[in-house]
Amino acid sequence: MSNFINDAKWRYATKKFDATKKVSTEDFEILKEAIQLSASSYGLQPYKVFIIENPEIRAKIQPAAWGQTQIVDASHLLVFANITNFGDAEIDAYIKNLSETRGIPVESVQGYADFMKSKITTLPEEARNVWTAKQTYLALGNLLNAAAELKIDVTPMEGFEPAAVNEILGFDQLGLNASLIATIGYRHEEDATQHYAKVRKSNEELFINL
């Protein structure tokens, strides 16, 4: 556990990446697996993760991300996209995957499927979209922690215009919405923010015993 705490103290939101340094394929596969294994509500993973490798697309996204240089300088760029209007079809697909993975008949988990549908598809579409967007933050958390252990920098970003990114990536036609961006790579030695003291609330202010 002490390693986890040390890793958490090491990481920060990198402001300037070293564009000459690339994350190895082996390490990036570990980061992908960390995202894949993330917890999600009901295990549904109601999102997609886009790996933006094309430099021209990254250049188009940069203005929509307030001109932040991490978009083009980082080794890797991920866009987390939550599924909009999540409903019966996605739940049925999950149940099919569950059935095949565990080698059990769909009928044996139909009650679970019906329960999920009763809790999810009855919500207004806006509430469902908020819920699926929240799930991407859980996946991001796994990414941050796994990357810190590997001493790979990740900058999570909400500082972008979702509508513009949706248009660039064609998300509207795919039933998706850009909820988060994460840039991955290695901090530049000129990034002064790596030396700043981490500012957090004290335990007395943060935690409340009842």
N, C-alpha and C. Protein backbone atom coordinates (compact mmCIF):
# COMPACT_ATOMS: atom_id res chain seq x y z
N MET A 1 0.82 -1.21 0.00
CA MET A 1 0.00 0.00 0.00
C MET A 1 0.85 1.26 0.00
N SER A 2 2.02 1.18 0.66
CA SER A 2 2.88 2.36 0.68
C SER A 2 3.32 2.73 -0.74
N ASN A 3 3.49 1.73 -1.61
CA ASN A 3 3.85 2.03 -2.99
C ASN A 3 2.72 2.80 -3.68
N PHE A 4 1.48 2.41 -3.40
CA PHE A 4 0.34 3.11 -4.00
C PHE A 4 0.33 4.57 -3.57
N ILE A 5 0.55 4.83 -2.29
CA ILE A 5 0.55 6.20 -1.78
C ILE A 5 1.70 6.99 -2.39
N ASN A 6 2.86 6.38 -2.49
CA ASN A 6 4.00 7.06 -3.10
C ASN A 6 3.73 7.39 -4.56
N ASP A 7 3.09 6.45 -5.27
CA ASP A 7 2.74 6.69 -6.67
C ASP A 7 1.74 7.84 -6.79
N ALA A 8 0.77 7.89 -5.86
CA ALA A 8 -0.23 8.95 -5.88
C ALA A 8 0.41 10.31 -5.61
N LYS A 9 1.42 10.31 -4.76
CA LYS A 9 2.13 11.56 -4.48
C LYS A 9 2.99 11.98 -5.67
N TRP A 10 3.47 11.01 -6.43
CA TRP A 10 4.33 11.28 -7.58
C TRP A 10 3.56 11.91 -8.73
N ARG A 11 2.35 11.43 -8.99
CA ARG A 11 1.59 11.86 -10.16
C ARG A 11 1.05 13.28 -9.97
N TYR A 12 0.86 13.94 -11.08
CA TYR A 12 0.23 15.26 -11.12
C TYR A 12 -0.31 15.45 -12.53
N ALA A 13 -1.10 16.48 -12.71
CA ALA A 13 -1.66 16.76 -14.04
C ALA A 13 -0.59 17.46 -14.87
N THR A 14 0.07 16.70 -15.68
CA THR A 14 1.20 17.20 -16.47
C THR A 14 0.73 18.29 -17.44
N LYS A 15 1.43 19.41 -17.40
CA LYS A 15 1.08 20.54 -18.27
C LYS A 15 1.89 20.56 -19.56
N LYS A 16 3.08 19.98 -19.52
CA LYS A 16 3.94 19.97 -20.70
C LYS A 16 4.56 18.59 -20.84
N PHE A 17 4.24 17.93 -21.95
CA PHE A 17 4.80 16.60 -22.22
C PHE A 17 6.05 16.72 -23.09
N ASP A 18 6.92 15.73 -22.94
CA ASP A 18 8.09 15.61 -23.81
C ASP A 18 7.65 14.86 -25.07
N ALA A 19 7.51 15.60 -26.16
CA ALA A 19 6.98 15.01 -27.40
C ALA A 19 7.93 13.98 -28.00
N THR A 20 9.18 13.92 -27.54
CA THR A 20 10.14 12.96 -28.09
C THR A 20 10.06 11.60 -27.42
N LYS A 21 9.33 11.51 -26.32
CA LYS A 21 9.26 10.25 -25.57
C LYS A 21 7.91 9.57 -25.80
N LYS A 22 7.96 8.29 -26.12
CA LYS A 22 6.76 7.54 -26.42
C LYS A 22 6.58 6.40 -25.42
N VAL A 23 5.35 6.16 -25.04
CA VAL A 23 5.03 5.02 -24.17
C VAL A 23 5.15 3.74 -25.00
N SER A 24 5.83 2.75 -24.45
CA SER A 24 6.04 1.50 -25.19
C SER A 24 4.71 0.78 -25.42
N THR A 25 4.69 -0.04 -26.45
CA THR A 25 3.49 -0.83 -26.74
C THR A 25 3.13 -1.72 -25.56
N GLU A 26 4.15 -2.31 -24.93
CA GLU A 26 3.91 -3.20 -23.78
C GLU A 26 3.24 -2.44 -22.64
N ASP A 27 3.75 -1.26 -22.31
CA ASP A 27 3.17 -0.49 -21.21
C ASP A 27 1.78 0.01 -21.56
N PHE A 28 1.58 0.39 -22.82
CA PHE A 28 0.26 0.89 -23.20
C PHE A 28 -0.78 -0.22 -23.13
N GLU A 29 -0.38 -1.44 -23.45
CA GLU A 29 -1.31 -2.56 -23.32
C GLU A 29 -1.72 -2.77 -21.86
N ILE A 30 -0.80 -2.54 -20.93
CA ILE A 30 -1.12 -2.63 -19.51
C ILE A 30 -2.14 -1.56 -19.13
N LEU A 31 -1.96 -0.36 -19.64
CA LEU A 31 -2.90 0.73 -19.35
C LEU A 31 -4.28 0.41 -19.93
N LYS A 32 -4.32 -0.16 -21.12
CA LYS A 32 -5.59 -0.54 -21.72
C LYS A 32 -6.29 -1.60 -20.87
N GLU A 33 -5.51 -2.55 -20.37
CA GLU A 33 -6.11 -3.60 -19.54
C GLU A 33 -6.64 -3.03 -18.23
N ALA A 34 -5.93 -2.04 -17.68
CA ALA A 34 -6.40 -1.40 -16.45
C ALA A 34 -7.75 -0.73 -16.68
N ILE A 35 -7.90 -0.09 -17.83
CA ILE A 35 -9.18 0.52 -18.18
C ILE A 35 -10.24 -0.56 -18.35
N GLN A 36 -9.90 -1.62 -19.05
CA GLN A 36 -10.84 -2.71 -19.32
C GLN A 36 -11.34 -3.35 -18.02
N LEU A 37 -10.46 -3.45 -17.02
CA LEU A 37 -10.80 -4.11 -15.77
C LEU A 37 -11.47 -3.19 -14.76
N SER A 38 -11.68 -1.96 -15.14
CA SER A 38 -12.27 -0.99 -14.21
C SER A 38 -13.66 -1.41 -13.75
N ALA A 39 -13.97 -1.05 -12.53
CA ALA A 39 -15.34 -1.21 -12.04
C ALA A 39 -16.28 -0.32 -12.83
N SER A 40 -17.53 -0.78 -12.99
CA SER A 40 -18.57 0.05 -13.58
C SER A 40 -19.91 -0.43 -13.03
N SER A 41 -20.90 0.44 -13.07
CA SER A 41 -22.20 0.10 -12.52
C SER A 41 -22.79 -1.11 -13.23
N TYR A 42 -23.15 -2.12 -12.47
CA TYR A 42 -23.67 -3.39 -12.98
C TYR A 42 -22.66 -4.13 -13.86
N GLY A 43 -21.45 -3.60 -13.98
CA GLY A 43 -20.47 -4.18 -14.89
C GLY A 43 -20.75 -3.89 -16.36
N LEU A 44 -21.58 -2.90 -16.63
CA LEU A 44 -22.06 -2.67 -17.99
C LEU A 44 -21.07 -1.93 -18.89
N GLN A 45 -20.12 -1.23 -18.31
CA GLN A 45 -19.15 -0.44 -19.10
C GLN A 45 -19.86 0.35 -20.21
N PRO A 46 -20.69 1.31 -19.84
CA PRO A 46 -21.50 2.02 -20.85
C PRO A 46 -20.74 3.14 -21.56
N TYR A 47 -19.63 2.78 -22.14
CA TYR A 47 -18.78 3.76 -22.82
C TYR A 47 -17.85 3.07 -23.80
N LYS A 48 -17.21 3.87 -24.64
CA LYS A 48 -16.14 3.43 -25.54
C LYS A 48 -14.92 4.30 -25.25
N VAL A 49 -13.74 3.78 -25.56
CA VAL A 49 -12.52 4.55 -25.38
C VAL A 49 -11.81 4.62 -26.72
N PHE A 50 -11.65 5.82 -27.24
CA PHE A 50 -11.03 6.03 -28.54
C PHE A 50 -9.56 6.40 -28.36
N ILE A 51 -8.70 5.67 -29.06
CA ILE A 51 -7.26 5.95 -29.06
C ILE A 51 -6.97 6.76 -30.31
N ILE A 52 -6.68 8.02 -30.13
CA ILE A 52 -6.50 8.92 -31.28
C ILE A 52 -5.02 8.94 -31.66
N GLU A 53 -4.69 8.20 -32.70
CA GLU A 53 -3.31 8.09 -33.15
C GLU A 53 -2.99 9.04 -34.31
N ASN A 54 -3.99 9.35 -35.10
CA ASN A 54 -3.80 10.19 -36.28
C ASN A 54 -3.44 11.62 -35.87
N PRO A 55 -2.24 12.11 -36.23
CA PRO A 55 -1.84 13.46 -35.80
C PRO A 55 -2.73 14.55 -36.36
N GLU A 56 -3.32 14.33 -37.51
CA GLU A 56 -4.21 15.34 -38.08
C GLU A 56 -5.48 15.48 -37.25
N ILE A 57 -6.00 14.36 -36.77
CA ILE A 57 -7.19 14.42 -35.92
C ILE A 57 -6.85 15.09 -34.59
N ARG A 58 -5.67 14.76 -34.05
CA ARG A 58 -5.26 15.38 -32.80
C ARG A 58 -5.13 16.89 -32.96
N ALA A 59 -4.62 17.32 -34.10
CA ALA A 59 -4.48 18.75 -34.37
C ALA A 59 -5.85 19.43 -34.46
N LYS A 60 -6.85 18.71 -34.98
CA LYS A 60 -8.20 19.26 -35.05
C LYS A 60 -8.83 19.36 -33.66
N ILE A 61 -8.50 18.40 -32.80
CA ILE A 61 -9.08 18.40 -31.46
C ILE A 61 -8.47 19.51 -30.59
N GLN A 62 -7.21 19.86 -30.83
CA GLN A 62 -6.52 20.82 -29.96
C GLN A 62 -7.28 22.13 -29.77
N PRO A 63 -7.77 22.79 -30.83
CA PRO A 63 -8.53 24.02 -30.60
C PRO A 63 -9.79 23.81 -29.77
N ALA A 64 -10.42 22.63 -29.92
CA ALA A 64 -11.62 22.32 -29.14
C ALA A 64 -11.27 22.02 -27.68
N ALA A 65 -9.98 21.80 -27.41
CA ALA A 65 -9.50 21.55 -26.05
C ALA A 65 -8.74 22.76 -25.53
N TRP A 66 -9.25 23.93 -25.90
CA TRP A 66 -8.74 25.21 -25.41
C TRP A 66 -7.27 25.42 -25.77
N GLY A 67 -6.82 24.77 -26.85
CA GLY A 67 -5.46 24.97 -27.32
C GLY A 67 -4.38 24.31 -26.49
N GLN A 68 -4.76 23.42 -25.61
CA GLN A 68 -3.78 22.81 -24.71
C GLN A 68 -2.78 21.94 -25.50
N THR A 69 -1.50 22.15 -25.21
CA THR A 69 -0.45 21.49 -25.99
C THR A 69 -0.37 19.99 -25.73
N GLN A 70 -0.88 19.55 -24.58
CA GLN A 70 -0.82 18.12 -24.28
C GLN A 70 -1.51 17.28 -25.35
N ILE A 71 -2.52 17.85 -25.99
CA ILE A 71 -3.28 17.12 -27.00
C ILE A 71 -2.38 16.62 -28.13
N VAL A 72 -1.44 17.42 -28.53
CA VAL A 72 -0.58 17.06 -29.66
C VAL A 72 0.80 16.57 -29.23
N ASP A 73 1.24 16.93 -28.03
CA ASP A 73 2.59 16.56 -27.60
C ASP A 73 2.67 15.22 -26.87
N ALA A 74 1.57 14.81 -26.25
CA ALA A 74 1.59 13.57 -25.47
C ALA A 74 1.80 12.36 -26.39
N SER A 75 2.32 11.30 -25.80
CA SER A 75 2.54 10.08 -26.55
C SER A 75 1.23 9.50 -27.08
N HIS A 76 0.20 9.49 -26.21
CA HIS A 76 -1.09 8.92 -26.58
C HIS A 76 -2.21 9.85 -26.14
N LEU A 77 -3.28 9.84 -26.91
CA LEU A 77 -4.47 10.62 -26.59
C LEU A 77 -5.68 9.69 -26.56
N LEU A 78 -6.38 9.70 -25.44
CA LEU A 78 -7.60 8.90 -25.30
C LEU A 78 -8.80 9.82 -25.15
N VAL A 79 -9.89 9.46 -25.79
CA VAL A 79 -11.16 10.15 -25.60
C VAL A 79 -12.15 9.12 -25.06
N PHE A 80 -12.64 9.36 -23.86
CA PHE A 80 -13.66 8.51 -23.26
C PHE A 80 -15.02 9.02 -23.71
N ALA A 81 -15.81 8.14 -24.31
CA ALA A 81 -17.10 8.54 -24.86
C ALA A 81 -18.21 7.69 -24.23
N ASN A 82 -19.10 8.36 -23.51
CA ASN A 82 -20.21 7.62 -22.91
C ASN A 82 -21.30 7.36 -23.94
N ILE A 83 -21.97 6.23 -23.79
CA ILE A 83 -23.06 5.86 -24.69
C ILE A 83 -24.29 6.68 -24.32
N THR A 84 -24.89 7.33 -25.31
CA THR A 84 -26.09 8.11 -25.07
C THR A 84 -27.33 7.26 -25.32
N ASN A 85 -28.39 7.61 -24.60
CA ASN A 85 -29.67 6.88 -24.72
C ASN A 85 -29.47 5.39 -24.49
N PHE A 86 -28.66 5.07 -23.49
CA PHE A 86 -28.37 3.68 -23.13
C PHE A 86 -29.67 2.97 -22.78
N GLY A 87 -29.84 1.74 -23.31
CA GLY A 87 -31.12 1.08 -23.07
C GLY A 87 -31.09 -0.43 -23.19
N ASP A 88 -32.21 -0.99 -23.61
CA ASP A 88 -32.40 -2.44 -23.62
C ASP A 88 -31.35 -3.15 -24.48
N ALA A 89 -31.02 -2.59 -25.63
CA ALA A 89 -30.10 -3.26 -26.54
C ALA A 89 -28.73 -3.46 -25.89
N GLU A 90 -28.25 -2.45 -25.19
CA GLU A 90 -26.94 -2.55 -24.53
C GLU A 90 -26.98 -3.53 -23.37
N ILE A 91 -28.08 -3.54 -22.65
CA ILE A 91 -28.20 -4.50 -21.54
C ILE A 91 -28.28 -5.93 -22.08
N ASP A 92 -29.01 -6.13 -23.15
CA ASP A 92 -29.10 -7.46 -23.75
C ASP A 92 -27.73 -7.93 -24.24
N ALA A 93 -26.94 -7.01 -24.80
CA ALA A 93 -25.60 -7.37 -25.27
C ALA A 93 -24.72 -7.77 -24.09
N TYR A 94 -24.86 -7.08 -22.97
CA TYR A 94 -24.10 -7.44 -21.78
C TYR A 94 -24.50 -8.83 -21.28
N ILE A 95 -25.79 -9.10 -21.25
CA ILE A 95 -26.27 -10.40 -20.78
C ILE A 95 -25.77 -11.52 -21.69
N LYS A 96 -25.73 -11.27 -22.98
CA LYS A 96 -25.21 -12.26 -23.92
C LYS A 96 -23.74 -12.53 -23.64
N ASN A 97 -22.98 -11.49 -23.41
CA ASN A 97 -21.56 -11.63 -23.08
C ASN A 97 -21.38 -12.38 -21.78
N LEU A 98 -22.20 -12.04 -20.78
CA LEU A 98 -22.15 -12.72 -19.48
C LEU A 98 -22.43 -14.21 -19.65
N SER A 99 -23.45 -14.53 -20.42
CA SER A 99 -23.83 -15.92 -20.65
C SER A 99 -22.70 -16.70 -21.30
N GLU A 100 -22.08 -16.11 -22.33
CA GLU A 100 -21.00 -16.79 -23.04
C GLU A 100 -19.74 -16.90 -22.20
N THR A 101 -19.44 -15.86 -21.44
CA THR A 101 -18.22 -15.85 -20.63
C THR A 101 -18.29 -16.86 -19.50
N ARG A 102 -19.45 -16.97 -18.87
CA ARG A 102 -19.60 -17.86 -17.70
C ARG A 102 -20.19 -19.21 -18.05
N GLY A 103 -20.55 -19.39 -19.32
CA GLY A 103 -21.07 -20.68 -19.75
C GLY A 103 -22.39 -21.04 -19.11
N ILE A 104 -23.27 -20.05 -19.01
CA ILE A 104 -24.59 -20.29 -18.41
C ILE A 104 -25.66 -19.81 -19.39
N PRO A 105 -26.86 -20.40 -19.33
CA PRO A 105 -27.92 -19.98 -20.26
C PRO A 105 -28.42 -18.58 -19.96
N VAL A 106 -28.80 -17.88 -21.00
CA VAL A 106 -29.34 -16.53 -20.83
C VAL A 106 -30.54 -16.54 -19.91
N GLU A 107 -31.33 -17.58 -20.02
CA GLU A 107 -32.56 -17.66 -19.22
C GLU A 107 -32.28 -17.60 -17.72
N SER A 108 -31.12 -18.10 -17.31
CA SER A 108 -30.80 -18.14 -15.88
C SER A 108 -30.50 -16.77 -15.29
N VAL A 109 -30.21 -15.80 -16.17
CA VAL A 109 -29.92 -14.44 -15.68
C VAL A 109 -30.94 -13.44 -16.24
N GLN A 110 -32.03 -13.94 -16.76
CA GLN A 110 -33.03 -13.04 -17.33
C GLN A 110 -33.61 -12.12 -16.25
N GLY A 111 -33.74 -12.66 -15.06
CA GLY A 111 -34.26 -11.84 -13.96
C GLY A 111 -33.36 -10.65 -13.67
N TYR A 112 -32.05 -10.88 -13.74
CA TYR A 112 -31.08 -9.80 -13.53
C TYR A 112 -31.19 -8.77 -14.65
N ALA A 113 -31.35 -9.26 -15.88
CA ALA A 113 -31.51 -8.35 -17.02
C ALA A 113 -32.76 -7.49 -16.85
N ASP A 114 -33.85 -8.12 -16.45
CA ASP A 114 -35.09 -7.37 -16.26
C ASP A 114 -34.95 -6.35 -15.14
N PHE A 115 -34.22 -6.70 -14.08
CA PHE A 115 -34.00 -5.78 -12.97
C PHE A 115 -33.23 -4.55 -13.45
N MET A 116 -32.13 -4.79 -14.20
CA MET A 116 -31.35 -3.66 -14.71
C MET A 116 -32.19 -2.76 -15.59
N LYS A 117 -32.99 -3.38 -16.47
CA LYS A 117 -33.83 -2.58 -17.35
C LYS A 117 -34.83 -1.74 -16.56
N SER A 118 -35.36 -2.32 -15.48
CA SER A 118 -36.35 -1.59 -14.68
C SER A 118 -35.73 -0.39 -13.98
N LYS A 119 -34.42 -0.45 -13.70
CA LYS A 119 -33.75 0.64 -13.00
C LYS A 119 -33.13 1.65 -13.95
N ILE A 120 -32.79 1.21 -15.16
CA ILE A 120 -32.04 2.07 -16.07
C ILE A 120 -32.92 2.67 -17.18
N THR A 121 -33.62 1.82 -17.90
CA THR A 121 -34.35 2.31 -19.07
C THR A 121 -35.57 3.14 -18.70
N THR A 122 -35.99 3.07 -17.45
CA THR A 122 -37.12 3.89 -17.01
C THR A 122 -36.70 5.32 -16.68
N LEU A 123 -35.40 5.57 -16.60
CA LEU A 123 -34.91 6.91 -16.33
C LEU A 123 -35.08 7.80 -17.55
N PRO A 124 -35.28 9.11 -17.36
CA PRO A 124 -35.28 10.02 -18.51
C PRO A 124 -33.94 9.93 -19.23
N GLU A 125 -33.94 10.19 -20.53
CA GLU A 125 -32.73 10.06 -21.32
C GLU A 125 -31.60 10.93 -20.77
N GLU A 126 -31.90 12.13 -20.35
CA GLU A 126 -30.86 13.02 -19.82
C GLU A 126 -30.20 12.40 -18.59
N ALA A 127 -30.99 11.80 -17.71
CA ALA A 127 -30.44 11.17 -16.50
C ALA A 127 -29.57 9.98 -16.87
N ARG A 128 -29.99 9.21 -17.87
CA ARG A 128 -29.18 8.08 -18.30
C ARG A 128 -27.86 8.54 -18.89
N ASN A 129 -27.89 9.64 -19.63
CA ASN A 129 -26.65 10.16 -20.21
C ASN A 129 -25.69 10.66 -19.13
N VAL A 130 -26.22 11.27 -18.10
CA VAL A 130 -25.38 11.69 -16.97
C VAL A 130 -24.77 10.47 -16.29
N TRP A 131 -25.57 9.45 -16.12
CA TRP A 131 -25.10 8.22 -15.47
C TRP A 131 -23.99 7.56 -16.27
N THR A 132 -24.16 7.42 -17.59
CA THR A 132 -23.12 6.77 -18.38
C THR A 132 -21.85 7.62 -18.41
N ALA A 133 -22.00 8.94 -18.41
CA ALA A 133 -20.82 9.80 -18.37
C ALA A 133 -20.04 9.61 -17.07
N LYS A 134 -20.75 9.45 -15.97
CA LYS A 134 -20.09 9.25 -14.68
C LYS A 134 -19.25 7.98 -14.68
N GLN A 135 -19.68 6.97 -15.40
CA GLN A 135 -18.96 5.70 -15.41
C GLN A 135 -17.56 5.84 -16.02
N THR A 136 -17.40 6.79 -16.93
CA THR A 136 -16.09 6.97 -17.55
C THR A 136 -15.05 7.45 -16.54
N TYR A 137 -15.50 8.12 -15.48
CA TYR A 137 -14.58 8.60 -14.46
C TYR A 137 -13.98 7.45 -13.66
N LEU A 138 -14.75 6.37 -13.49
CA LEU A 138 -14.22 5.19 -12.81
C LEU A 138 -13.09 4.58 -13.64
N ALA A 139 -13.29 4.49 -14.94
CA ALA A 139 -12.26 3.95 -15.83
C ALA A 139 -11.03 4.85 -15.82
N LEU A 140 -11.25 6.15 -15.81
CA LEU A 140 -10.14 7.10 -15.75
C LEU A 140 -9.32 6.89 -14.47
N GLY A 141 -9.99 6.65 -13.36
CA GLY A 141 -9.28 6.43 -12.10
C GLY A 141 -8.34 5.24 -12.18
N ASN A 142 -8.81 4.16 -12.79
CA ASN A 142 -7.94 2.99 -12.96
C ASN A 142 -6.73 3.34 -13.82
N LEU A 143 -6.96 4.10 -14.89
CA LEU A 143 -5.88 4.51 -15.77
C LEU A 143 -4.85 5.33 -14.99
N LEU A 144 -5.29 6.30 -14.21
CA LEU A 144 -4.37 7.15 -13.45
C LEU A 144 -3.50 6.33 -12.51
N ASN A 145 -4.11 5.39 -11.81
CA ASN A 145 -3.37 4.61 -10.82
C ASN A 145 -2.39 3.64 -11.48
N ALA A 146 -2.83 3.00 -12.57
CA ALA A 146 -1.93 2.06 -13.26
C ALA A 146 -0.76 2.80 -13.88
N ALA A 147 -1.02 3.97 -14.46
CA ALA A 147 0.04 4.74 -15.09
C ALA A 147 1.05 5.22 -14.06
N ALA A 148 0.56 5.66 -12.90
CA ALA A 148 1.48 6.14 -11.86
C ALA A 148 2.42 5.04 -11.40
N GLU A 149 1.91 3.82 -11.32
CA GLU A 149 2.77 2.70 -10.92
C GLU A 149 3.88 2.47 -11.94
N LEU A 150 3.57 2.72 -13.22
CA LEU A 150 4.55 2.55 -14.29
C LEU A 150 5.39 3.81 -14.51
N LYS A 151 5.14 4.83 -13.71
CA LYS A 151 5.81 6.14 -13.85
C LYS A 151 5.57 6.72 -15.25
N ILE A 152 4.29 6.62 -15.64
CA ILE A 152 3.82 7.24 -16.88
C ILE A 152 2.85 8.35 -16.48
N ASP A 153 3.00 9.49 -17.11
CA ASP A 153 2.16 10.63 -16.77
C ASP A 153 0.84 10.61 -17.53
N VAL A 154 -0.21 11.00 -16.83
CA VAL A 154 -1.53 11.12 -17.45
C VAL A 154 -2.15 12.44 -17.01
N THR A 155 -2.68 13.18 -17.96
CA THR A 155 -3.42 14.39 -17.63
C THR A 155 -4.88 14.19 -17.98
N PRO A 156 -5.75 14.08 -16.97
CA PRO A 156 -7.18 13.99 -17.25
C PRO A 156 -7.72 15.37 -17.59
N MET A 157 -8.58 15.45 -18.58
CA MET A 157 -9.07 16.75 -19.06
C MET A 157 -10.59 16.79 -19.17
N GLU A 158 -11.15 17.78 -18.52
CA GLU A 158 -12.53 18.17 -18.78
C GLU A 158 -12.55 19.49 -19.55
N GLY A 159 -11.37 20.08 -19.73
CA GLY A 159 -11.26 21.37 -20.39
C GLY A 159 -11.30 21.25 -21.90
N PHE A 160 -12.47 20.97 -22.43
CA PHE A 160 -12.67 20.89 -23.87
C PHE A 160 -14.14 21.09 -24.17
N GLU A 161 -14.45 21.33 -25.43
CA GLU A 161 -15.84 21.54 -25.85
C GLU A 161 -16.39 20.23 -26.40
N PRO A 162 -17.22 19.53 -25.62
CA PRO A 162 -17.72 18.22 -26.05
C PRO A 162 -18.40 18.24 -27.41
N ALA A 163 -19.21 19.25 -27.67
CA ALA A 163 -19.93 19.29 -28.94
C ALA A 163 -18.97 19.34 -30.11
N ALA A 164 -17.89 20.11 -29.95
CA ALA A 164 -16.91 20.22 -31.04
C ALA A 164 -16.17 18.90 -31.23
N VAL A 165 -15.78 18.25 -30.14
CA VAL A 165 -15.08 16.97 -30.24
C VAL A 165 -16.03 15.91 -30.82
N ASN A 166 -17.28 15.95 -30.41
CA ASN A 166 -18.26 15.02 -30.97
C ASN A 166 -18.36 15.16 -32.48
N GLU A 167 -18.33 16.39 -32.95
CA GLU A 167 -18.43 16.64 -34.39
C GLU A 167 -17.18 16.15 -35.12
N ILE A 168 -16.01 16.43 -34.55
CA ILE A 168 -14.76 16.02 -35.17
C ILE A 168 -14.69 14.50 -35.32
N LEU A 169 -15.12 13.79 -34.28
CA LEU A 169 -15.01 12.32 -34.26
C LEU A 169 -16.28 11.61 -34.73
N GLY A 170 -17.29 12.36 -35.10
CA GLY A 170 -18.53 11.74 -35.59
C GLY A 170 -19.30 11.00 -34.53
N PHE A 171 -19.19 11.44 -33.30
CA PHE A 171 -19.83 10.72 -32.20
C PHE A 171 -21.35 10.78 -32.25
N ASP A 172 -21.90 11.88 -32.73
CA ASP A 172 -23.36 12.01 -32.75
C ASP A 172 -23.99 10.89 -33.56
N GLN A 173 -23.34 10.51 -34.66
CA GLN A 173 -23.86 9.43 -35.52
C GLN A 173 -23.67 8.06 -34.88
N LEU A 174 -22.79 7.99 -33.90
CA LEU A 174 -22.50 6.71 -33.24
C LEU A 174 -23.24 6.54 -31.92
N GLY A 175 -24.03 7.54 -31.53
CA GLY A 175 -24.73 7.46 -30.25
C GLY A 175 -23.78 7.60 -29.07
N LEU A 176 -22.76 8.45 -29.24
CA LEU A 176 -21.74 8.64 -28.21
C LEU A 176 -21.58 10.11 -27.89
N ASN A 177 -20.93 10.38 -26.75
CA ASN A 177 -20.63 11.74 -26.33
C ASN A 177 -19.27 11.77 -25.66
N ALA A 178 -18.43 12.71 -26.05
CA ALA A 178 -17.11 12.85 -25.44
C ALA A 178 -17.26 13.38 -24.02
N SER A 179 -16.91 12.56 -23.05
CA SER A 179 -17.07 12.96 -21.65
C SER A 179 -15.74 13.34 -20.99
N LEU A 180 -14.66 12.70 -21.41
CA LEU A 180 -13.35 12.93 -20.82
C LEU A 180 -12.26 12.76 -21.87
N ILE A 181 -11.16 13.47 -21.68
CA ILE A 181 -9.96 13.27 -22.48
C ILE A 181 -8.81 12.96 -21.53
N ALA A 182 -7.94 12.05 -21.93
CA ALA A 182 -6.74 11.76 -21.15
C ALA A 182 -5.54 11.74 -22.07
N THR A 183 -4.53 12.55 -21.74
CA THR A 183 -3.28 12.54 -22.50
C THR A 183 -2.25 11.76 -21.69
N ILE A 184 -1.47 10.94 -22.38
CA ILE A 184 -0.57 9.98 -21.73
C ILE A 184 0.83 10.14 -22.31
N GLY A 185 1.82 10.15 -21.46
CA GLY A 185 3.19 10.25 -21.94
C GLY A 185 4.17 10.48 -20.80
N TYR A 186 5.15 11.34 -21.04
CA TYR A 186 6.18 11.60 -20.04
C TYR A 186 6.39 13.10 -19.89
N ARG A 187 6.44 13.54 -18.65
CA ARG A 187 6.58 14.96 -18.35
C ARG A 187 7.87 15.54 -18.94
N HIS A 188 7.79 16.76 -19.42
CA HIS A 188 8.96 17.46 -19.92
C HIS A 188 9.73 18.04 -18.75
N GLU A 189 11.04 18.01 -18.84
CA GLU A 189 11.86 18.54 -17.75
C GLU A 189 11.61 20.02 -17.51
N GLU A 190 11.04 20.71 -18.51
CA GLU A 190 10.74 22.13 -18.38
C GLU A 190 9.38 22.40 -17.74
N ASP A 191 8.63 21.35 -17.46
CA ASP A 191 7.31 21.54 -16.85
C ASP A 191 7.48 21.87 -15.37
N ALA A 192 7.37 23.13 -15.04
CA ALA A 192 7.63 23.57 -13.66
C ALA A 192 6.61 23.02 -12.67
N THR A 193 5.40 22.69 -13.14
CA THR A 193 4.36 22.24 -12.21
C THR A 193 4.68 20.92 -11.54
N GLN A 194 5.62 20.15 -12.10
CA GLN A 194 5.98 18.89 -11.47
C GLN A 194 6.66 19.10 -10.12
N HIS A 195 7.15 20.30 -9.88
CA HIS A 195 7.86 20.59 -8.63
C HIS A 195 6.96 21.26 -7.60
N TYR A 196 5.72 21.54 -7.96
CA TYR A 196 4.82 22.21 -7.03
C TYR A 196 4.38 21.24 -5.93
N ALA A 197 4.23 21.75 -4.73
CA ALA A 197 3.69 20.94 -3.64
C ALA A 197 2.24 20.59 -3.94
N LYS A 198 1.85 19.36 -3.64
CA LYS A 198 0.48 18.93 -3.89
C LYS A 198 -0.45 19.58 -2.86
N VAL A 199 -1.49 20.22 -3.34
CA VAL A 199 -2.42 20.93 -2.46
C VAL A 199 -3.67 20.09 -2.27
N ARG A 200 -3.91 19.68 -1.04
CA ARG A 200 -5.08 18.89 -0.71
C ARG A 200 -5.64 19.35 0.63
N LYS A 201 -6.94 19.09 0.85
CA LYS A 201 -7.55 19.39 2.14
C LYS A 201 -6.90 18.53 3.23
N SER A 202 -6.89 19.04 4.45
CA SER A 202 -6.41 18.24 5.57
C SER A 202 -7.40 17.14 5.88
N ASN A 203 -6.95 16.10 6.57
CA ASN A 203 -7.85 15.02 6.97
C ASN A 203 -9.01 15.55 7.81
N GLU A 204 -8.71 16.54 8.66
CA GLU A 204 -9.74 17.08 9.55
C GLU A 204 -10.84 17.77 8.76
N GLU A 205 -10.47 18.40 7.65
CA GLU A 205 -11.46 19.09 6.83
C GLU A 205 -12.16 18.15 5.87
N LEU A 206 -11.45 17.13 5.41
CA LEU A 206 -11.99 16.24 4.37
C LEU A 206 -12.90 15.15 4.92
N PHE A 207 -12.49 14.54 6.04
CA PHE A 207 -13.20 13.37 6.56
C PHE A 207 -14.09 13.76 7.75
N ILE A 208 -15.28 13.19 7.76
CA ILE A 208 -16.23 13.47 8.81
C ILE A 208 -16.69 12.15 9.43
N ASN A 209 -16.47 12.01 10.72
CA ASN A 209 -16.92 10.82 11.45
C ASN A 209 -18.29 11.05 12.02
N LEU A 210 -19.16 10.09 11.81
CA LEU A 210 -20.52 10.17 12.36
C LEU A 210 -20.78 9.02 13.33
